[in-house]
N, C-alpha and C. Protein backbone atom coordinates (compact mmCIF):
# COMPACT_ATOMS: atom_id res chain seq x y z
N MET A 1 0.82 -1.18 0.00
CA MET A 1 0.00 0.00 0.00
C MET A 1 0.87 1.26 0.00
N PHE A 2 1.83 1.33 0.92
CA PHE A 2 2.67 2.51 1.00
C PHE A 2 3.94 2.37 0.17
N SER A 3 4.07 1.28 -0.57
CA SER A 3 5.30 1.07 -1.33
C SER A 3 5.43 2.07 -2.47
N SER A 4 4.31 2.59 -2.98
CA SER A 4 4.38 3.54 -4.08
C SER A 4 4.57 4.98 -3.60
N ILE A 5 4.41 5.22 -2.30
CA ILE A 5 4.60 6.57 -1.76
C ILE A 5 6.05 6.70 -1.31
N GLY A 6 6.74 7.66 -1.90
CA GLY A 6 8.14 7.88 -1.55
C GLY A 6 8.28 8.92 -0.46
N PRO A 7 9.51 9.30 -0.15
CA PRO A 7 9.74 10.31 0.89
C PRO A 7 9.09 11.65 0.55
N THR A 8 9.10 12.03 -0.71
CA THR A 8 8.47 13.30 -1.08
C THR A 8 6.96 13.24 -0.88
N GLY A 9 6.37 12.07 -1.09
CA GLY A 9 4.93 11.91 -0.86
C GLY A 9 4.58 12.08 0.60
N PHE A 10 5.39 11.51 1.48
CA PHE A 10 5.16 11.68 2.91
C PHE A 10 5.31 13.14 3.35
N ILE A 11 6.31 13.81 2.80
CA ILE A 11 6.50 15.23 3.12
C ILE A 11 5.30 16.04 2.65
N LEU A 12 4.81 15.75 1.46
CA LEU A 12 3.65 16.44 0.92
C LEU A 12 2.42 16.19 1.79
N LEU A 13 2.22 14.95 2.24
CA LEU A 13 1.09 14.64 3.13
C LEU A 13 1.22 15.39 4.46
N ALA A 14 2.42 15.47 4.99
CA ALA A 14 2.63 16.19 6.25
C ALA A 14 2.33 17.68 6.09
N VAL A 15 2.73 18.27 4.98
CA VAL A 15 2.47 19.69 4.74
C VAL A 15 0.98 19.93 4.60
N ILE A 16 0.28 19.05 3.88
CA ILE A 16 -1.16 19.20 3.71
C ILE A 16 -1.87 19.07 5.06
N ALA A 17 -1.46 18.08 5.88
CA ALA A 17 -2.06 17.91 7.20
C ALA A 17 -1.80 19.14 8.07
N LEU A 18 -0.61 19.69 7.97
CA LEU A 18 -0.28 20.88 8.75
C LEU A 18 -1.14 22.07 8.33
N LEU A 19 -1.38 22.20 7.03
CA LEU A 19 -2.21 23.29 6.54
C LEU A 19 -3.68 23.10 6.93
N LEU A 20 -4.16 21.85 6.89
CA LEU A 20 -5.55 21.59 7.20
C LEU A 20 -5.86 21.74 8.70
N PHE A 21 -5.01 21.18 9.53
CA PHE A 21 -5.31 21.12 10.96
C PHE A 21 -4.58 22.17 11.78
N GLY A 22 -3.53 22.72 11.26
CA GLY A 22 -2.79 23.73 12.00
C GLY A 22 -1.79 23.10 12.96
N PRO A 23 -0.80 23.87 13.39
CA PRO A 23 0.26 23.31 14.25
C PRO A 23 -0.23 22.95 15.65
N ASN A 24 -1.31 23.56 16.13
CA ASN A 24 -1.80 23.26 17.47
C ASN A 24 -2.63 21.98 17.51
N LYS A 25 -3.40 21.71 16.48
CA LYS A 25 -4.28 20.55 16.46
C LYS A 25 -3.57 19.27 16.01
N LEU A 26 -2.47 19.41 15.31
CA LEU A 26 -1.79 18.23 14.77
C LEU A 26 -1.32 17.25 15.85
N PRO A 27 -0.69 17.70 16.95
CA PRO A 27 -0.30 16.75 18.00
C PRO A 27 -1.51 16.05 18.64
N GLU A 28 -2.61 16.80 18.83
CA GLU A 28 -3.81 16.18 19.39
C GLU A 28 -4.36 15.11 18.45
N LEU A 29 -4.33 15.40 17.17
CA LEU A 29 -4.80 14.44 16.18
C LEU A 29 -3.93 13.18 16.18
N GLY A 30 -2.63 13.36 16.30
CA GLY A 30 -1.71 12.23 16.36
C GLY A 30 -1.96 11.37 17.59
N ARG A 31 -2.19 12.01 18.73
CA ARG A 31 -2.49 11.25 19.96
C ARG A 31 -3.79 10.48 19.82
N ALA A 32 -4.79 11.12 19.22
CA ALA A 32 -6.09 10.45 19.05
C ALA A 32 -5.95 9.24 18.14
N VAL A 33 -5.19 9.37 17.08
CA VAL A 33 -4.97 8.24 16.17
C VAL A 33 -4.21 7.13 16.90
N GLY A 34 -3.22 7.49 17.68
CA GLY A 34 -2.46 6.50 18.45
C GLY A 34 -3.33 5.76 19.45
N ARG A 35 -4.19 6.51 20.17
CA ARG A 35 -5.12 5.87 21.12
C ARG A 35 -6.07 4.92 20.41
N THR A 36 -6.55 5.33 19.25
CA THR A 36 -7.47 4.50 18.49
C THR A 36 -6.80 3.20 18.08
N PHE A 37 -5.58 3.27 17.57
CA PHE A 37 -4.86 2.05 17.19
C PHE A 37 -4.60 1.16 18.40
N ARG A 38 -4.24 1.76 19.54
CA ARG A 38 -3.97 0.98 20.75
C ARG A 38 -5.23 0.25 21.21
N GLU A 39 -6.37 0.96 21.22
CA GLU A 39 -7.63 0.32 21.63
C GLU A 39 -8.02 -0.79 20.66
N PHE A 40 -7.77 -0.58 19.39
CA PHE A 40 -8.07 -1.61 18.40
C PHE A 40 -7.23 -2.86 18.63
N LYS A 41 -5.94 -2.66 18.90
CA LYS A 41 -5.06 -3.81 19.17
C LYS A 41 -5.49 -4.56 20.42
N GLU A 42 -5.84 -3.82 21.48
CA GLU A 42 -6.28 -4.46 22.72
C GLU A 42 -7.56 -5.26 22.49
N GLY A 43 -8.49 -4.69 21.74
CA GLY A 43 -9.72 -5.40 21.43
C GLY A 43 -9.46 -6.65 20.62
N ALA A 44 -8.55 -6.56 19.66
CA ALA A 44 -8.21 -7.72 18.85
C ALA A 44 -7.55 -8.80 19.71
N ARG A 45 -6.68 -8.40 20.63
CA ARG A 45 -6.04 -9.38 21.52
C ARG A 45 -7.07 -10.07 22.41
N GLU A 46 -8.05 -9.30 22.92
CA GLU A 46 -9.09 -9.90 23.76
C GLU A 46 -9.91 -10.90 22.97
N ILE A 47 -10.25 -10.57 21.74
CA ILE A 47 -11.04 -11.48 20.91
C ILE A 47 -10.25 -12.75 20.64
N ILE A 48 -8.96 -12.60 20.34
CA ILE A 48 -8.13 -13.77 20.07
C ILE A 48 -7.98 -14.62 21.32
N SER A 49 -7.75 -14.00 22.48
CA SER A 49 -7.59 -14.78 23.72
C SER A 49 -8.90 -15.43 24.11
N ASP A 50 -10.04 -14.75 23.91
CA ASP A 50 -11.34 -15.36 24.19
C ASP A 50 -11.56 -16.56 23.27
N ASP A 51 -11.19 -16.41 22.02
CA ASP A 51 -11.37 -17.50 21.06
C ASP A 51 -10.48 -18.68 21.43
N ASP A 52 -9.24 -18.40 21.84
CA ASP A 52 -8.33 -19.48 22.25
C ASP A 52 -8.84 -20.19 23.49
N SER A 53 -9.32 -19.43 24.47
CA SER A 53 -9.78 -20.06 25.71
C SER A 53 -11.05 -20.86 25.46
N SER A 54 -11.94 -20.40 24.60
CA SER A 54 -13.16 -21.16 24.32
C SER A 54 -12.83 -22.44 23.55
N SER A 55 -11.85 -22.40 22.66
CA SER A 55 -11.48 -23.62 21.94
C SER A 55 -10.79 -24.61 22.88
N ARG A 56 -10.04 -24.11 23.87
CA ARG A 56 -9.43 -25.00 24.85
C ARG A 56 -10.50 -25.67 25.70
N LYS A 57 -11.51 -24.90 26.11
CA LYS A 57 -12.59 -25.48 26.91
C LYS A 57 -13.34 -26.53 26.12
N GLU A 58 -13.57 -26.29 24.85
CA GLU A 58 -14.26 -27.28 24.02
C GLU A 58 -13.42 -28.55 23.90
N GLN A 59 -12.11 -28.40 23.76
CA GLN A 59 -11.23 -29.56 23.67
C GLN A 59 -11.23 -30.35 24.97
N GLU A 60 -11.25 -29.63 26.10
CA GLU A 60 -11.27 -30.32 27.40
C GLU A 60 -12.59 -31.05 27.60
N LYS A 61 -13.70 -30.48 27.15
CA LYS A 61 -14.99 -31.14 27.27
C LYS A 61 -15.05 -32.37 26.37
N ALA A 62 -14.38 -32.31 25.24
CA ALA A 62 -14.41 -33.42 24.30
C ALA A 62 -13.58 -34.61 24.79
N LYS A 63 -12.58 -34.36 25.63
CA LYS A 63 -11.75 -35.44 26.16
C LYS A 63 -12.54 -36.20 27.22
N PRO A 64 -12.71 -37.50 27.07
CA PRO A 64 -13.40 -38.26 28.12
C PRO A 64 -12.49 -38.43 29.33
N LEU A 65 -13.09 -38.54 30.48
CA LEU A 65 -12.33 -38.75 31.70
C LEU A 65 -11.73 -40.14 31.70
N ALA A 66 -10.68 -40.33 32.48
CA ALA A 66 -10.01 -41.63 32.55
C ALA A 66 -10.97 -42.71 33.05
N SER A 67 -11.83 -42.37 34.01
CA SER A 67 -12.79 -43.36 34.52
C SER A 67 -13.80 -43.74 33.44
N GLU A 68 -14.18 -42.82 32.59
CA GLU A 68 -15.10 -43.13 31.51
C GLU A 68 -14.44 -44.05 30.50
N ILE A 69 -13.15 -43.83 30.25
CA ILE A 69 -12.44 -44.69 29.31
C ILE A 69 -12.31 -46.10 29.88
N ALA A 70 -11.97 -46.19 31.17
CA ALA A 70 -11.81 -47.50 31.81
C ALA A 70 -13.13 -48.25 31.82
N SER A 71 -14.23 -47.58 32.13
CA SER A 71 -15.52 -48.26 32.17
C SER A 71 -15.99 -48.63 30.77
N ALA A 72 -15.58 -47.87 29.78
CA ALA A 72 -15.98 -48.19 28.41
C ALA A 72 -15.22 -49.40 27.89
N ASP A 73 -14.01 -49.64 28.38
CA ASP A 73 -13.22 -50.77 27.92
C ASP A 73 -13.72 -52.09 28.53
N LYS A 74 -14.19 -52.08 29.76
CA LYS A 74 -14.65 -53.29 30.43
C LYS A 74 -16.11 -53.55 30.07
N PRO A 75 -16.44 -54.81 29.83
CA PRO A 75 -17.86 -55.10 29.61
C PRO A 75 -18.60 -54.95 30.93
N GLU A 76 -19.83 -54.53 30.82
CA GLU A 76 -20.64 -54.30 32.01
C GLU A 76 -21.04 -55.63 32.63
N ASP A 77 -20.97 -55.72 33.96
CA ASP A 77 -21.33 -56.93 34.69
C ASP A 77 -22.85 -56.98 34.83
N LYS A 78 -23.46 -57.96 34.13
CA LYS A 78 -24.92 -58.02 34.12
C LYS A 78 -25.45 -59.15 35.01
N ARG A 79 -24.61 -59.68 35.86
CA ARG A 79 -25.09 -60.74 36.77
C ARG A 79 -25.90 -60.15 37.89
N LEU A 80 -26.82 -60.91 38.38
CA LEU A 80 -27.63 -60.49 39.52
C LEU A 80 -26.82 -60.59 40.79
N PRO A 81 -27.06 -59.69 41.74
CA PRO A 81 -26.31 -59.77 43.00
C PRO A 81 -26.73 -61.00 43.78
N GLU A 82 -25.80 -61.62 44.50
CA GLU A 82 -26.09 -62.84 45.26
C GLU A 82 -26.54 -62.54 46.63
């Protein structure tokens, strides 16, 4: 995306931003953009960690317990009690 924009393009964008927003508003705008990116990254990390933890819980639920495996391997005793 930015591979076609050279150093002169960045300088031109900076000059246009300076003219549009002025020298006083430009730092505020930069901070706002930085905060927005930070919040976006944090939200993405939360979604990824929630997704990972839910997939782990599903995997744990899918694993049968050792006692269930042992009882499944042995045939059930169908004799009447004496």
